[in-house]
C-alpha cells in the first residue's frame, strides 16, 4: 500500500464530523444528568388521621422501659436481661403465645439507646419485638429528660 503526501491531489470534499461528534457528546451528557434516576418504593404504614379517635383505656398497662447501654447491655425495667430471653418477655407481655392481646391492652415498649451503643444490638431488640408482634414501640430521647 502506498500513501501519498497529497502533493498531486486537489482539495478535500469530505465533511468535517468532529464538531458534530462534540455536540452529540455534550447532548448525551446533558440527557444523562437530567434523566430521572429509578426510584424504588418503600412501604411505610403511617398512622391515618381519624375524625373520631378511639376511647382511651381506663387502666392502660405499664410501659416496658428498655435501655441499651454503650457496652451493649440490655436493661428491661432497670434489670439486665440477655438478648436470648428478651423475646420470651415480649411474647409474655403481648400474649402472642396464647392469644394476642388487643392493641389497647398491649404495653408500650419505650426504648432508650445510649448514643455510643452499637446499632446491631438495637436491631436485634427491634427484631425480637417484631417477632413477638409488639405494635407500640417508642424511642425515648435522653436529652428530653
Protein backbone atom coordinates (compact mmCIF):
# COMPACT_ATOMS: atom_id res chain seq x y z
CA UNK A 1 0.00 0.00 0.00
CA UNK A 2 1.32 3.32 -0.94
CA UNK A 3 0.47 6.52 0.81
CA UNK A 4 0.69 9.81 -0.88
CA UNK A 5 1.54 13.07 0.78
CA UNK A 6 -1.26 14.76 -1.02
CA UNK A 7 1.03 16.57 -3.43
CA UNK A 8 -0.98 15.83 -6.51
CA UNK A 9 -4.46 15.64 -5.09
CA UNK A 10 -6.88 18.51 -5.09
CA UNK A 11 -8.99 19.97 -2.27
CA UNK A 12 -10.80 17.53 0.07
CA UNK A 13 -14.54 17.43 -0.23
CA UNK A 14 -15.18 15.30 2.92
CA UNK A 15 -17.38 16.73 5.67
CA UNK A 16 -15.67 17.50 9.00
CA UNK A 17 -17.65 15.46 11.57
CA UNK A 18 -15.59 16.35 14.68
CA UNK A 19 -17.86 19.31 15.71
CA UNK A 20 -20.92 17.10 15.18
CA UNK A 21 -19.49 14.41 17.47
CA UNK A 22 -18.66 17.07 20.10
CA UNK A 23 -22.25 18.36 20.07
CA UNK A 24 -23.64 14.82 20.30
CA UNK A 25 -21.41 14.00 23.29
CA UNK A 26 -22.49 17.18 25.08
CA UNK A 27 -26.16 16.33 24.44
CA UNK A 28 -25.58 12.80 25.71
CA UNK A 29 -24.08 14.11 28.94
CA UNK A 30 -26.96 16.57 29.41
CA UNK A 31 -29.54 13.81 28.95
CA UNK A 32 -27.68 11.52 31.34
CA UNK A 33 -27.60 14.19 34.04
CA UNK A 34 -31.22 15.29 33.66
CA UNK A 35 -32.71 11.81 33.30
CA UNK A 36 -34.63 10.75 36.40
CA UNK A 37 -33.00 8.03 38.43
CA UNK A 38 -35.10 4.94 39.01
CA UNK A 39 -36.77 5.10 42.39
CA UNK A 40 -37.88 2.17 44.49
CA UNK A 41 -40.99 2.34 46.59
CA UNK A 42 -40.70 1.53 50.26
CA UNK A 43 -43.90 0.53 52.00
CA UNK A 44 -44.38 2.56 55.18
CA UNK A 45 -47.50 2.25 57.30
CA UNK A 46 -48.19 5.76 58.51
CA UNK A 47 -50.93 6.49 61.04
CA UNK A 48 -54.01 7.99 59.47
CA UNK A 49 -55.93 10.90 60.95
CA UNK A 50 -59.28 9.84 62.35
CA UNK A 51 -62.32 12.04 62.88
CA UNK A 52 -63.38 10.08 65.96
CA UNK A 53 -60.39 8.84 67.97
CA UNK A 54 -60.83 5.62 69.91
CA UNK A 55 -61.61 5.95 73.59
CA UNK A 56 -58.66 5.90 75.95
CA UNK A 57 -58.43 2.74 78.08
CA UNK A 58 -59.25 3.24 81.74
CA UNK A 59 -56.36 1.18 83.10
CA UNK A 60 -53.59 1.17 80.49
CA UNK A 61 -50.79 -1.34 81.11
CA UNK A 62 -47.48 -0.08 82.44
CA UNK A 63 -44.97 0.60 79.65
CA UNK A 64 -41.91 -1.60 79.34
CA UNK A 65 -38.79 0.50 79.81
CA UNK A 66 -35.86 -0.86 77.81
CA UNK A 67 -32.42 0.70 77.87
CA UNK A 68 -29.41 -0.21 75.71
CA UNK A 69 -26.11 0.90 77.25
CA UNK A 70 -22.87 1.83 75.49
CA UNK A 71 -21.38 -1.59 76.23
CA UNK A 72 -24.34 -3.38 74.62
CA UNK A 73 -26.11 -4.38 77.82
CA UNK A 74 -29.92 -4.53 77.66
CA UNK A 75 -31.87 -3.40 80.72
CA UNK A 76 -35.60 -4.12 80.95
CA UNK A 77 -37.18 -2.07 83.73
CA UNK A 78 -33.63 -1.47 85.08
CA UNK A 79 -32.92 -5.22 85.24
CA UNK A 80 -30.20 -6.73 82.99
CA UNK A 81 -31.68 -9.23 80.53
CA UNK A 82 -29.79 -11.35 77.98
CA UNK A 83 -30.89 -10.95 74.36
CA UNK A 84 -31.84 -14.63 74.23
CA UNK A 85 -34.51 -14.16 76.93
CA UNK A 86 -35.83 -10.89 75.53
CA UNK A 87 -38.28 -12.37 73.06
CA UNK A 88 -39.86 -14.53 75.77
CA UNK A 89 -40.56 -11.42 77.83
CA UNK A 90 -42.03 -9.62 74.82
CA UNK A 91 -44.25 -12.59 73.96
CA UNK A 92 -45.45 -12.74 77.55
CA UNK A 93 -46.27 -9.02 77.50
CA UNK A 94 -48.22 -9.21 74.24
CA UNK A 95 -49.77 -12.61 74.86
CA UNK A 96 -48.65 -13.78 71.42
CA UNK A 97 -48.00 -17.33 72.67
CA UNK A 98 -51.62 -17.98 73.56
CA UNK A 99 -53.90 -15.31 72.17
CA UNK A 100 -52.68 -11.91 71.00
CA UNK A 101 -53.91 -9.11 73.25
CA UNK A 102 -55.90 -6.28 71.67
CA UNK A 103 -53.80 -3.24 70.78
CA UNK A 104 -55.16 -1.09 73.62
CA UNK A 105 -54.20 -3.78 76.17
CA UNK A 106 -50.63 -4.21 74.92
CA UNK A 107 -47.92 -2.38 76.85
CA UNK A 108 -45.84 0.24 75.10
CA UNK A 109 -42.15 -0.57 74.65
CA UNK A 110 -40.11 2.55 75.43
CA UNK A 111 -36.57 2.17 74.09
CA UNK A 112 -33.75 4.40 75.30
CA UNK A 113 -30.45 3.94 73.48
CA UNK A 114 -27.08 5.31 74.56
CA UNK A 115 -25.54 7.29 71.67
CA UNK A 116 -22.36 5.20 71.91
CA UNK A 117 -24.25 1.88 71.67
CA UNK A 118 -23.85 -0.31 68.60
CA UNK A 119 -26.69 -0.40 66.12
CA UNK A 120 -26.56 -4.20 65.95
CA UNK A 121 -27.94 -4.53 69.49
CA UNK A 122 -30.82 -2.17 68.71
CA UNK A 123 -31.57 -4.09 65.50
CA UNK A 124 -31.73 -7.37 67.44
CA UNK A 125 -34.05 -5.83 70.05
CA UNK A 126 -36.37 -4.46 67.35
CA UNK A 127 -36.39 -7.82 65.54
CA UNK A 128 -37.39 -9.61 68.73
CA UNK A 129 -40.13 -7.05 69.39
CA UNK A 130 -41.48 -7.52 65.87
CA UNK A 131 -41.36 -11.31 66.19
CA UNK A 132 -43.37 -11.03 69.42
CA UNK A 133 -45.93 -8.90 67.49
CA UNK A 134 -45.40 -5.77 69.57
CA UNK A 135 -47.23 -2.87 67.95
CA UNK A 136 -46.49 0.01 70.32
CA UNK A 137 -42.80 0.92 70.18
CA UNK A 138 -41.48 4.34 71.17
CA UNK A 139 -37.98 5.80 71.33
CA UNK A 140 -37.11 7.91 74.36
CA UNK A 141 -34.80 10.87 73.88
CA UNK A 142 -32.22 11.16 76.65
CA UNK A 143 -31.87 14.92 76.23
CA UNK A 144 -35.61 15.43 76.91
CA UNK A 145 -35.31 14.05 80.43
